[in-house]
Each structure stands twice: as structure tokens, then as C-alpha cells.
Protein backbone atom coordinates (compact mmCIF):
# COMPACT_ATOMS: atom_id res chain seq x y z
CA MET A 1 0.31 69.09 128.71
CA LYS A 2 2.80 66.25 128.99
CA VAL A 3 6.03 66.48 127.02
CA SER A 4 5.23 63.19 125.28
CA THR A 5 1.85 64.57 124.20
CA LYS A 6 3.48 67.73 122.85
CA LEU A 7 6.01 65.70 120.90
CA ALA A 8 3.35 63.34 119.53
CA ALA A 9 1.15 66.28 118.44
CA GLY A 10 4.00 68.23 116.87
CA TYR A 11 5.65 65.40 114.98
CA GLY A 12 2.27 63.80 114.18
CA GLY A 13 1.20 67.01 112.43
CA LEU A 14 4.51 67.05 110.58
CA LEU A 15 4.03 63.46 109.42
CA VAL A 16 0.45 64.17 108.29
CA LEU A 17 1.64 67.17 106.28
CA LEU A 18 4.46 65.22 104.66
CA GLY A 19 2.13 62.29 104.00
CA GLY A 20 -0.38 64.58 102.26
CA LEU A 21 2.42 66.10 100.20
CA ILE A 22 3.63 62.65 99.15
CA ALA A 23 0.06 61.57 98.23
CA TYR A 24 -0.39 64.70 96.12
CA HIS A 25 2.85 63.98 94.26
CA VAL A 26 1.78 60.39 93.62
CA VAL A 27 -1.42 61.67 92.02
CA ALA A 28 0.56 64.26 90.07
CA LEU A 29 2.93 61.55 88.82
CA ASN A 30 -0.02 59.42 87.67
CA ASP A 31 -1.45 62.42 85.83
CA THR A 32 1.93 63.03 84.23
CA ALA A 33 2.09 59.39 83.10
CA ALA A 34 -1.42 59.65 81.60
CA THR A 35 -0.48 62.87 79.84
CA THR A 36 2.63 61.19 78.47
CA ARG A 37 0.52 58.35 77.10
CA ARG A 38 -1.89 60.80 75.48
CA LEU A 39 0.99 62.75 73.96
CA SER A 40 2.41 59.49 72.62
CA GLY A 41 -0.92 58.77 70.85
CA ILE A 42 -1.11 62.31 69.52
CA SER A 43 2.46 62.01 68.23
CA ALA A 44 1.53 58.80 66.39
CA ARG A 45 -1.57 60.43 64.86
CA LEU A 46 0.44 63.47 63.86
CA THR A 47 3.04 61.27 62.18
CA ILE A 48 0.38 59.43 60.18
CA SER A 49 -1.63 62.49 59.15
CA THR A 50 1.33 64.76 58.45
CA THR A 51 3.94 62.45 56.98
CA ASP A 52 2.41 59.19 55.79
CA GLN A 53 -0.82 60.52 54.29
CA GLN A 54 0.97 63.37 52.57
CA TYR A 55 3.33 60.86 50.98
CA TRP A 56 0.52 58.57 49.90
CA LEU A 57 -1.50 61.40 48.36
CA ASP A 58 1.59 62.40 46.35
CA GLN A 59 1.96 58.77 45.23
CA LEU A 60 -1.69 58.53 44.21
CA GLN A 61 -1.44 61.67 42.10
CA GLU A 62 1.80 60.47 40.54
CA TYR A 63 0.39 57.02 39.64
CA ALA A 64 -2.84 58.53 38.26
CA SER A 65 -0.82 60.87 36.00
CA GLY A 66 1.42 57.98 34.86
CA TYR A 67 -1.57 55.80 34.04
CA HIS A 68 -3.14 58.69 32.11
CA VAL A 69 -0.04 58.94 29.96
CA LEU A 70 0.51 55.16 29.59
CA PRO A 71 -2.94 53.52 29.93
CA ALA A 72 -1.54 50.33 28.59
CA ASP A 73 0.85 49.98 31.55
CA SER A 74 -1.21 48.17 34.20
CA ALA A 75 1.58 48.64 36.83
CA TYR A 76 0.44 52.21 37.42
CA LEU A 77 -3.08 51.04 38.04
CA GLU A 78 -1.97 48.34 40.45
CA ALA A 79 0.25 50.79 42.36
CA PHE A 80 -2.64 53.31 42.48
CA GLU A 81 -4.93 50.71 44.02
CA ASP A 82 -2.27 49.58 46.55
CA VAL A 83 -1.61 53.15 47.80
CA SER A 84 -5.36 53.76 47.98
CA SER A 85 -5.63 50.74 50.26
CA ARG A 86 -2.81 52.09 52.50
CA PHE A 87 -4.44 55.53 52.77
CA ASP A 88 -7.72 53.90 53.72
CA SER A 89 -5.91 51.81 56.40
CA SER A 90 -4.29 54.98 57.81
CA LEU A 91 -7.73 56.47 58.44
CA THR A 92 -8.69 53.34 60.38
CA ARG A 93 -5.49 53.53 62.46
CA ILE A 94 -6.11 57.19 63.31
CA ARG A 95 -9.62 56.42 64.51
CA GLU A 96 -8.25 53.63 66.74
CA LEU A 97 -5.70 55.96 68.42
CA GLY A 98 -8.43 58.06 70.01
CA LEU A 99 -9.34 61.58 68.98
CA THR A 100 -10.29 64.83 70.57
CA ASP A 101 -13.61 66.43 69.67
CA ARG A 102 -11.89 68.86 67.32
CA GLU A 103 -9.90 66.06 65.67
CA ARG A 104 -13.01 63.92 65.35
CA ALA A 105 -14.85 66.70 63.45
CA HIS A 106 -11.96 67.12 61.01
CA MET A 107 -11.64 63.36 60.72
CA VAL A 108 -15.27 63.13 59.57
CA ARG A 109 -14.62 65.75 56.86
CA LEU A 110 -11.47 63.92 55.73
CA GLU A 111 -13.33 60.60 55.50
CA ARG A 112 -16.12 62.20 53.43
CA ALA A 113 -13.56 63.72 51.08
CA TRP A 114 -11.90 60.31 50.80
CA GLU A 115 -15.22 58.64 50.02
CA ARG A 116 -15.86 61.14 47.24
CA PHE A 117 -12.34 60.51 45.92
CA GLN A 118 -12.94 56.75 45.97
CA ASP A 119 -16.27 57.19 44.16
CA ALA A 120 -14.58 59.35 41.55
CA THR A 121 -11.71 56.89 41.01
CA SER A 122 -13.61 53.60 41.34
CA ASP A 123 -13.26 53.25 37.59
CA LEU A 124 -9.99 54.98 36.84
CA ASP A 125 -10.26 54.23 33.11
CA ALA A 126 -13.67 55.96 32.89
CA ALA A 127 -12.48 58.87 35.00
CA LEU A 128 -9.46 59.43 32.78
CA ALA A 129 -11.55 59.12 29.54
CA ALA A 130 -13.99 61.88 30.45
CA ASP A 131 -14.66 64.81 28.11
CA PRO A 132 -13.51 67.44 27.37
CA PRO A 133 -9.83 66.52 26.78
CA ASP A 134 -7.66 66.68 29.96
CA GLY A 135 -10.79 67.32 32.01
CA ASP A 136 -10.19 64.06 33.85
CA LEU A 137 -6.93 65.27 35.35
CA ARG A 138 -8.48 68.54 36.44
CA VAL A 139 -11.30 66.64 38.20
CA LEU A 140 -8.79 64.40 40.02
CA GLU A 141 -6.62 67.37 40.96
CA GLU A 142 -9.66 68.98 42.62
CA GLN A 143 -10.21 65.76 44.58
CA PHE A 144 -6.54 65.71 45.59
CA ARG A 145 -6.74 69.37 46.70
CA GLN A 146 -9.73 68.67 48.89
CA LEU A 147 -8.04 65.63 50.44
CA ARG A 148 -4.90 67.63 51.15
CA ASN A 149 -6.92 70.44 52.73
CA ARG A 150 -8.81 68.01 54.93
CA ARG A 151 -5.63 66.17 55.86
CA GLU A 152 -3.89 69.47 56.75
CA ALA A 153 -6.91 70.53 58.82
CA LEU A 154 -6.73 67.20 60.71
CA SER A 155 -2.98 67.63 61.24
CA GLU A 156 -3.50 71.15 62.58
CA ALA A 157 -6.19 69.86 64.96
CA THR A 158 -3.78 67.16 66.14
CA ARG A 159 -1.02 69.74 66.67
CA ARG A 160 -3.50 71.88 68.55
CA ALA A 161 -4.39 68.93 70.76
CA MET A 162 -0.68 68.34 71.47
CA ARG A 163 -0.18 72.00 72.39
CA ASP A 164 -3.19 71.85 74.69
CA HIS A 165 -1.83 68.75 76.44
CA VAL A 166 1.64 70.27 76.73
CA ASP A 167 0.16 73.46 78.18
CA ALA A 168 -1.92 71.43 80.60
CA ALA A 169 1.14 69.37 81.63
CA THR A 170 3.17 72.56 82.09
CA SER A 171 0.40 74.05 84.22
CA GLU A 172 0.19 70.87 86.30
CA ALA A 173 3.97 70.88 86.76
CA ALA A 174 3.89 74.52 87.89
CA THR A 175 1.04 73.72 90.28
CA ALA A 176 2.95 70.71 91.63
CA GLU A 177 6.04 72.86 92.12
CA SER A 178 4.02 75.51 93.96
CA VAL A 179 2.36 72.87 96.12
CA SER A 180 5.76 71.31 96.82
CA TRP A 181 7.31 74.59 97.91
CA ALA A 182 4.22 75.46 99.94
CA GLY A 183 4.28 72.04 101.59
CA LEU A 184 7.99 72.26 102.33
CA GLY A 185 7.51 75.77 103.72
CA ALA A 186 4.66 74.60 105.93
CA ALA A 187 6.73 71.61 107.05
CA ALA A 188 9.67 73.90 107.85
CA LEU A 189 7.41 76.25 109.80
CA LEU A 190 5.89 73.33 111.66
CA ALA A 191 9.35 71.91 112.41
CA VAL A 192 10.50 75.30 113.70
CA GLY A 193 7.33 75.51 115.77
CA VAL A 194 8.00 72.08 117.21
CA TRP A 195 11.58 73.12 117.99
CA VAL A 196 10.64 76.46 119.54
CA PHE A 197 7.62 75.39 121.54
CA ILE A 198 8.53 71.80 122.38
CA VAL A 199 12.26 71.16 122.05
CA GLY A 200 12.97 74.74 123.14
CA SER A 201 10.86 74.33 126.28
CA ILE A 202 12.59 71.03 127.04
CA THR A 203 16.00 72.65 126.57
CA ARG A 204 15.07 75.59 128.81
CA SER A 205 13.82 73.21 131.49
CA LEU A 206 16.99 71.14 131.27
CA LYS A 207 19.15 74.26 131.51
CA ARG A 208 17.24 75.41 134.58
CA LEU A 209 17.60 71.98 136.14
CA THR A 210 21.31 71.88 135.26
CA ALA A 211 21.87 75.33 136.77
CA GLY A 212 19.95 74.30 139.89
CA THR A 213 21.94 71.07 140.21
CA ARG A 214 25.18 73.05 139.90
CA ARG A 215 24.03 75.48 142.62
CA VAL A 216 23.19 72.56 144.90
CA ALA A 217 26.58 70.97 144.18
CA GLU A 218 28.13 74.25 145.36
CA GLY A 219 26.23 73.97 148.64
CA GLU A 220 23.31 76.35 147.96
CA PHE A 221 20.62 74.13 149.46
CA GLU A 222 18.22 77.07 149.72
CA TYR A 223 18.00 77.30 145.92
CA ARG A 224 14.57 76.46 144.49
CA LEU A 225 13.21 75.88 140.98
CA GLU A 226 9.94 77.50 139.95
CA PRO A 227 7.71 74.79 138.37
CA GLU A 228 6.34 75.82 134.97
CA GLY A 229 3.23 74.13 133.61
CA GLU A 230 2.11 70.61 134.41
CA ASP A 231 4.52 68.49 132.40
CA GLU A 232 7.17 66.04 133.52
CA PHE A 233 9.71 68.82 134.07
CA ALA A 234 7.35 70.66 136.42
CA GLU A 235 7.00 67.45 138.41
CA LEU A 236 10.77 67.04 138.35
CA SER A 237 11.18 70.64 139.58
CA ARG A 238 8.90 69.95 142.54
CA ASP A 239 10.85 66.78 143.36
CA PHE A 240 14.08 68.74 143.01
CA ASN A 241 12.85 71.38 145.46
CA GLU A 242 11.78 68.72 147.93
CA MET A 243 15.15 67.00 147.62
CA ASN A 244 16.93 70.32 148.09
CA GLU A 245 14.90 71.09 151.18
CA ARG A 246 15.81 67.72 152.68
CA LEU A 247 19.46 68.23 151.81
CA GLY A 248 19.38 71.65 153.46
CA GLU A 249 17.87 70.15 156.59
CA LEU A 250 20.50 67.40 156.66
CA ASP A 251 23.29 69.92 156.10
CA GLN A 252 21.98 72.11 158.89
CA LEU A 253 21.73 69.10 161.20
CA LYS A 254 25.31 68.20 160.34
CA ARG A 255 26.51 71.75 161.05
CA ASP A 256 24.61 71.91 164.31
CA PHE A 257 26.00 68.53 165.31
CA LEU A 258 29.60 69.52 164.49
CA SER A 259 29.21 72.83 166.25
CA LYS A 260 27.68 71.28 169.36
CA VAL A 261 30.14 68.39 169.52
CA SER A 262 33.09 70.74 168.97
CA HIS A 263 31.83 73.09 171.66
CA ASP A 264 31.15 70.27 174.12
CA LEU A 265 34.62 68.82 173.54
CA LYS A 266 36.35 72.06 174.51
CA SER A 267 35.72 71.78 178.25
CA PRO A 268 36.95 68.20 178.83
CA LEU A 269 39.87 68.80 176.47
CA ALA A 270 40.83 71.93 178.39
CA SER A 271 40.74 69.90 181.63
CA ILE A 272 42.95 67.22 180.10
CA GLN A 273 45.44 69.84 178.90
CA GLU A 274 45.48 71.47 182.35
CA VAL A 275 46.22 68.12 183.98
CA HIS A 276 49.07 67.57 181.50
CA ASN A 277 50.51 70.98 182.32
CA LEU A 278 50.34 70.29 186.08
CA LEU A 279 52.05 66.94 185.59
CA LEU A 280 54.77 68.48 183.40
CA GLU A 281 55.33 71.18 186.03
CA GLU A 282 55.85 68.28 188.49
CA VAL A 283 53.26 69.63 190.93
CA PRO A 284 52.23 66.12 192.00
CA GLY A 285 55.79 64.91 192.04
CA GLU A 286 59.00 64.50 190.07
CA LEU A 287 58.82 62.86 186.61
CA SER A 288 61.22 60.45 185.05
CA ARG A 289 62.64 61.15 181.61
CA ASP A 290 60.36 58.63 179.90
CA GLN A 291 57.29 59.93 181.75
CA ARG A 292 58.03 63.48 180.69
CA ARG A 293 58.49 62.40 177.07
CA LEU A 294 55.14 60.58 177.03
CA LEU A 295 53.36 63.52 178.63
CA GLU A 296 54.90 65.87 176.05
CA LEU A 297 53.55 63.65 173.30
CA ASN A 298 50.10 63.69 174.92
CA ARG A 299 50.19 67.45 175.27
CA GLN A 300 51.12 67.87 171.59
CA SER A 301 48.23 65.60 170.62
CA GLY A 302 45.92 67.61 172.83
CA GLU A 303 47.05 70.85 171.24
CA ARG A 304 46.49 69.33 167.83
CA LEU A 305 43.00 68.17 168.83
CA SER A 306 42.28 71.60 170.28
CA GLU A 307 43.26 73.20 166.98
CA MET A 308 40.97 70.83 165.09
CA ILE A 309 38.04 71.67 167.37
CA ARG A 310 38.75 75.37 167.04
CA ASN A 311 38.76 75.10 163.24
CA LEU A 312 35.48 73.19 163.31
CA LEU A 313 33.90 75.93 165.39
CA GLU A 314 35.31 78.66 163.13
CA VAL A 315 34.07 76.97 159.96
CA SER A 316 30.63 76.53 161.54
CA ARG A 317 30.51 80.23 162.41
CA PHE A 318 31.46 81.29 158.88
CA GLU A 319 28.95 78.93 157.30
CA ALA A 320 26.29 80.33 159.60
CA GLY A 321 27.04 83.74 158.09
CA ALA A 322 28.15 85.31 161.33
CA PRO A 323 31.94 85.78 161.18
CA ARG A 324 33.12 88.20 163.84
CA LEU A 325 35.71 90.41 162.14
CA GLU A 326 37.40 93.36 163.84
CA ILE A 327 38.83 95.19 160.84
CA GLU A 328 41.73 97.54 161.41
CA ASP A 329 44.93 98.65 159.68
CA VAL A 330 47.40 95.80 160.03
CA ASP A 331 51.05 95.64 159.00
CA LEU A 332 51.11 92.46 156.92
CA ARG A 333 54.91 92.45 156.94
CA GLU A 334 54.97 92.24 160.73
CA LEU A 335 52.31 89.50 160.78
CA ALA A 336 54.30 87.43 158.28
CA ALA A 337 57.52 87.91 160.26
CA ARG A 338 55.86 86.73 163.49
CA ALA A 339 54.32 83.73 161.72
CA ALA A 340 57.74 82.80 160.35
CA ASP A 341 59.24 83.10 163.84
CA ARG A 342 56.59 80.75 165.23
CA PHE A 343 57.31 78.12 162.57
CA GLU A 344 61.11 78.33 162.66
CA PRO A 345 61.45 75.63 165.35
CA ALA A 346 59.09 73.23 163.59
CA CYS A 347 60.92 73.75 160.31
CA ARG A 348 64.31 73.08 161.87
CA LYS A 349 62.97 69.98 163.57
CA GLN A 350 61.68 68.64 160.22
CA GLY A 351 64.88 69.59 158.36
CA VAL A 352 63.11 72.21 156.19
CA LYS A 353 64.44 75.71 155.62
CA LEU A 354 62.10 78.66 156.03
CA ARG A 355 62.97 81.52 153.69
CA ARG A 356 61.45 84.98 153.92
CA SER A 357 61.12 87.72 151.34
CA LEU A 358 59.68 90.69 153.18
CA PRO A 359 59.72 94.41 152.32
CA SER A 360 61.78 96.76 154.44
CA GLY A 361 58.82 99.03 155.17
CA PRO A 362 55.31 98.35 156.49
CA VAL A 363 52.60 96.94 154.18
CA THR A 364 49.22 98.00 155.55
CA VAL A 365 46.03 96.06 154.87
CA ALA A 366 42.50 96.32 156.23
CA ALA A 367 42.07 93.05 158.13
CA ASP A 368 41.26 91.36 161.39
CA PRO A 369 44.76 90.68 162.77
CA GLU A 370 43.75 87.46 164.52
CA ARG A 371 42.04 86.10 161.39
CA ALA A 372 44.97 87.11 159.19
CA ARG A 373 47.29 85.27 161.61
CA GLU A 374 45.14 82.15 161.23
CA VAL A 375 45.47 82.32 157.45
CA LEU A 376 49.27 82.62 157.66
CA ASP A 377 49.55 79.81 160.21
CA ASN A 378 47.37 77.45 158.19
CA LEU A 379 49.24 78.15 154.94
CA LEU A 380 52.65 77.70 156.57
CA GLU A 381 51.60 74.52 158.35
CA ASN A 382 50.13 73.16 155.10
CA ALA A 383 53.37 73.95 153.22
CA LEU A 384 55.52 72.44 155.99
CA SER A 385 53.52 69.20 156.05
CA PHE A 386 54.26 68.59 152.34
CA SER A 387 57.88 69.79 152.19
CA PRO A 388 60.51 67.01 151.92
CA GLU A 389 63.52 67.14 154.20
CA GLY A 390 66.23 69.44 152.88
CA GLU A 391 63.84 71.60 150.85
CA ALA A 392 62.53 75.06 151.73
CA VAL A 393 59.25 76.81 152.47
CA ASP A 394 59.12 80.38 151.12
CA ILE A 395 56.95 83.18 152.48
CA GLU A 396 56.76 86.52 150.70
CA VAL A 397 54.80 89.73 151.21
CA MET A 398 54.49 92.27 148.43
CA ARG A 399 52.28 95.15 147.43
CA ALA A 400 49.69 94.57 144.70
CA ASP A 401 47.01 96.55 142.92
CA GLY A 402 44.34 97.43 145.47
CA GLY A 403 46.11 95.83 148.42
CA ALA A 404 48.87 93.41 149.33
CA GLU A 405 49.69 89.83 148.46
CA ILE A 406 50.99 86.96 150.57
CA ARG A 407 52.76 84.09 148.84
CA VAL A 408 53.57 80.78 150.50
CA ALA A 409 55.41 78.22 148.39
CA ASP A 410 56.70 74.70 148.96
CA ARG A 411 58.53 71.98 147.05
CA GLY A 412 56.00 69.25 147.77
CA PRO A 413 54.17 67.02 145.25
CA GLY A 414 51.99 69.90 144.06
CA VAL A 415 48.25 70.04 143.48
CA PRO A 416 46.68 68.38 140.40
CA ASP A 417 44.74 70.75 138.14
CA GLU A 418 41.44 69.01 138.85
CA GLU A 419 41.94 69.57 142.62
CA LYS A 420 42.99 73.23 142.58
CA GLU A 421 39.46 74.33 143.50
CA GLU A 422 38.45 71.32 145.55
CA ILE A 423 41.27 71.63 148.09
CA PHE A 424 39.42 74.61 149.58
CA ASP A 425 36.27 72.52 150.17
CA ARG A 426 35.40 71.18 153.58
CA PHE A 427 36.97 67.85 154.56
CA PHE A 428 38.66 67.43 151.19
CA GLN A 429 41.60 65.03 151.21
CA GLY A 430 43.74 65.00 148.09
CA ASP A 431 45.64 62.12 146.55
CA ASN A 432 49.12 63.64 146.83
CA GLY A 433 50.05 62.88 150.39
CA SER A 434 48.07 61.49 153.25
CA GLU A 435 46.69 64.87 154.25
CA ARG A 436 45.98 67.65 151.81
CA SER A 437 44.98 70.17 154.47
CA SER A 438 47.20 69.59 157.40
CA GLY A 439 46.34 73.00 158.74
CA GLY A 440 43.12 71.52 159.96
CA GLY A 441 44.81 68.70 161.83
CA GLY A 442 44.27 66.27 158.98
CA VAL A 443 40.49 66.71 158.62
CA GLY A 444 40.61 69.06 155.62
CA LEU A 445 39.49 72.31 157.28
CA GLY A 446 42.60 74.47 157.29
CA LEU A 447 42.37 75.66 153.69
CA THR A 448 38.58 75.87 153.93
CA LEU A 449 38.95 78.25 156.86
CA CYS A 450 41.59 80.24 154.92
CA ARG A 451 39.21 80.77 152.03
CA GLN A 452 36.31 81.74 154.28
CA ILE A 453 38.44 84.27 156.15
CA VAL A 454 39.97 85.77 152.99
CA GLU A 455 36.62 86.07 151.20
CA ALA A 456 35.04 87.59 154.32
CA HIS A 457 37.72 90.31 154.03
CA GLY A 458 36.83 90.85 150.36
CA GLY A 459 40.08 89.23 149.20
CA GLU A 460 41.05 86.30 147.01
CA ILE A 461 42.94 83.07 147.54
CA GLY A 462 44.21 80.50 145.07
CA VAL A 463 46.87 77.94 144.32
CA GLU A 464 48.99 77.30 141.24
CA ASP A 465 51.91 75.14 140.21
CA ARG A 466 55.36 76.38 141.15
CA SER A 467 58.08 76.31 138.54
CA GLY A 468 60.45 73.47 139.37
CA GLY A 469 57.78 71.58 141.33
CA GLY A 470 55.59 72.25 144.33
CA SER A 471 52.69 74.57 145.04
CA LEU A 472 52.34 78.32 145.36
CA PHE A 473 49.45 79.74 147.43
CA ARG A 474 48.50 83.38 146.89
CA VAL A 475 46.36 85.53 149.16
CA LEU A 476 45.28 89.03 148.15
CA LEU A 477 43.96 91.34 150.90
CA PRO A 478 42.57 94.87 150.45
CA ALA A 479 44.78 97.83 151.29
CA GLY A 480 44.38 99.67 154.58
CA ALA A 481 43.83 103.41 155.07
CA ASP A 482 47.52 104.02 155.87
CA ALA A 483 48.90 102.01 152.95
CA GLY A 484 52.06 103.80 151.88
CA GLY A 485 54.66 103.49 149.22
CA GLY A 486 57.43 101.91 151.23
CA ASP A 487 60.29 100.01 149.67
CA ASP A 488 59.38 96.43 148.69
CA ARG A 489 63.00 95.38 148.46
CA GLY A 490 65.04 93.60 151.08
CA SER A 491 64.42 90.62 153.36
CA GLU A 492 63.46 90.29 156.98
CA ASP A 493 66.38 90.40 159.40
CA GLY A 494 66.96 87.28 161.37
CA GLY A 495 65.74 84.94 158.59
CA ASP A 496 67.37 83.19 155.64
CA ALA A 497 68.02 85.00 152.42
CA ALA A 498 65.23 85.16 149.88
CA GLY A 499 66.82 82.27 148.05
CA GLU A 500 68.67 81.68 144.81
CA PRO A 501 67.33 83.33 141.66
CA GLY A 502 64.43 81.37 140.26
CA ASP A 503 63.93 79.37 143.46
CA GLY A 504 61.73 81.64 145.54
CA PRO A 505 58.11 82.65 145.02
CA GLY A 506 58.99 86.22 144.06
CA PRO A 507 57.66 88.06 141.02
CA ALA A 508 60.73 87.27 138.99
CA THR A 509 59.84 83.59 138.82
CA GLU A 510 56.10 83.22 139.32
CA ALA A 511 53.17 84.66 137.36
CA ALA A 512 51.17 87.15 139.41
CA ARG A 513 47.87 85.27 139.32
CA VAL A 514 45.40 84.59 142.06
CA GLY A 515 43.60 81.28 141.80
């Protein structure tokens, strides 16, 4: 199912549920409004039957008694007739307000009692003159008692109707609350379902695609995504795999091309170098000073080109997964001393000091001596290429947990934080200086080869900022079988001192961290 279809189904169901809940509440609100109107009518009826009619019955009895005592005073008779008219109007008003069946039955009884009262008092003078003496008042009092009883019965029926409506409204409110909570719970469950089954699947697919993209960015072109389902992400996974396959083919073609071109360049370059050597040895004839100088420059360029081709071939071999390592116990102190001796002339020529900090005893590591020499040469050449005139390049060897550490430091422009990992990538050229990896002859392969060699030995390599400016490269190699506990103190004879305090790459000034 397509992702868009899943989203439409999930959120469509959620909208239908919320729409039904809203419609139910609209109906419930209309019912509440109707109940309120009915309660308002009941309240009006209750006011009339409980308050007004009670008052008027008391007035009627009072005026009848007053007229009995003072028959000559016509005001009592007029007031009696006026209140009678009001009581009769109240019955009409109650009927117009609408009655329940129970109220209607009691209303009929009240009206009959009122009719009998009106018949009895139609001629108040005759009613009050009846025999025996005072019998008239007793007859009227019986009429008043019946009216009060009927009125009270009607009031009780009205109160009962109000209680019934209130109970019904309370029940409806409780039902509405239950429906609301049930609807909200169902909406929450549906939303969670949409998140888990739709958004969750999208998130998982995006994470898988992100992880795959990261693996490809790291050069793992053999990585493949497993398509899941038939949605857009499954189609994207298939396209991703096809793209990755093409990238792998292109990368392999590039490696094969570099390897073949580098290999094919070796023979003509070797012939050119041989011709230069014969000319410099003056086999064909004597050279002038200017001719010798030009031939020396050509030979240096040839050696530089030869080193570039050699690095290309070495990188190709490591990337093909077939590095030829001849591991043996190697004295890292001796290797570092020889590397420093090789670079002494170049350092003097460039006006850069080369300072050594080497232990007095051997430091044994398990390594291929030729590969370890390449690492030292590339690191020293890289440091020399970035060292300003008058500054120093420092090389130090020291024991570390599980092996030994080489440190090569310079006072160059340093490496920006965002480039500390990238400088070990193939053909990377940094911004600080024209060539970030001069060990590779300016094509960005020297540090790449260093990392490949060190990792093939099971070691680590990294770079960090040096206090006071510059870069500090660290290489950690595993210990050899004959690693001993020799003295780490002292410096190599024949070299410069280890440097002023705080100026060298020793442990007193730099944090022991591998990149």
C-alpha cells in the first residue's frame, strides 16, 4: 500500500471519528437546551402553583371572613371577587405553560375543586347567611381546604416533573461525558495506531535510507537496502541499490584505471630516471654547471613523480583488500632515528629544525618495517611541507598502553576541526596551504596511505591541535613480542635536544589522545 494511501486512511478514520463525536455533542447540546426550556416552564408553573395561588387562597379566606364580620363593607366583597378573578387567571396560565400527564391529572382535580368553590361562593351573601349560625364559614373552610389540597398536589406533581427532568439531564450529561471520554480514547488509540503503523514505518524507512546513505558516503558501495513492502520507500530502496551498484562499478573502474595507469607509468619513468643518472654521471660527456643543475631538477621531479605513482599503487592495493604485510618485531626507536636522519638535509635546506625525543632503549612493535618506514616518511614530509622557516618539526617515540606511540608535530597553520577526519581521505586537499598531503606529492594520498597502513596493523592514527599552534599527528602501533620496559627518557644522539619545555610534542604538553 502506498504511503499516501496509508496516511489518507489513517487520518481519514481519525477525522470521521472526531466528526461523529462533534455531531453527537451538537445533538446533546440541543437536548440540553430543550431540557433547559422545559425546566424554565416547570419553574414558572411551580412559582404560580406554590407561591401565587397559596397567597391568593389566603386572601380569599381573609376577605370572606372580613365580609362575614362587616357585611355592610362592600370593599371586602370587591376584593374577594378581584382575587377570585386572579386565581382563575392563574389556572389558565398554568394550562398554557404545558403540563406533564401527572400534572394534567392534578390540574383537572384542582379545576373541579375551583368550580365547586365558585358555585358555593357565587352568592357570597347567601353563603354567609346559611343556617345554622356560623355554618357558612365552616362550609367555606372546607372548600378552602380542598383547594389547598388540590393546589399542593399540583405543586408536588410539578416538583416531581422538575426532578424527573433534572435526573434525565444528569443522566444525559453522564452519558455525554462517557461518550466523550470513549471518543477521545478511541481517537488517541487511532492516532497512536497511525503513528506506529504509518509514521513509524516512514521513520524506520528514513532511518534505513539515512544509514545506507552514510555508508555509501564512507565508500561502502557494496551496501544494499532490503526493500520492504510495495510503497514509495520500497521503490526508493530499489533505486538506491541500483545507484549504489553503479557507483561501485564506477569506483572499481576508477581504481582499475589508476592502478593500470600507475603501473604503466613505472617503466617509462624508470627509463627517464636511468637516462638522467647516466647524464649526471657524464657517461655521454662532460656537463656544464647549468646543465647539471637542470638535470638535477629533472631528477628530483622524476623522483617525486615516482613517489606519487608508488603511492597510487599502494593505495590501490590496500583498497583491493590485499595489503602485503610482513609482520615482525621492529624497534620503533631505530626506525624513527633513521627517518630523522633521512630528513635532516631537507630540513636544513628549508631552514627548519628537526628535533627528536627518543627513548634510550629499544621500543618493540609488531609491524612491517617497510610499511612503518612509509608512515614515518609521509608524516615527516607532511610536517616539513607546512613548517615555516625558523620553526621546528618534532618527532617523538614513547611507550603506550598496548604498544608504542609515534608523535610528529609541526608549527604550521594547523588543521580545522571539520577537516580532522577528511585529511585522511583520498585526494583531499585542505584550505590551509596549497597541499594538505604533501606526502603524496601533492595529490592527497600520503595521509590516506598512512591510515591504511596503520589500520592494517591494527593501530590508530589521528591529528589534533598543538598548543601554541600547529598540528600533532599520533600513531599507535601494537606492541611486539619482545617489548620490554626500557627507559623512555633521553634523546637520540646526533640530533637536537628535545626542545624547550612546553614546545615539544611530549606528554608534558600534549594530551595523550589518538584521533
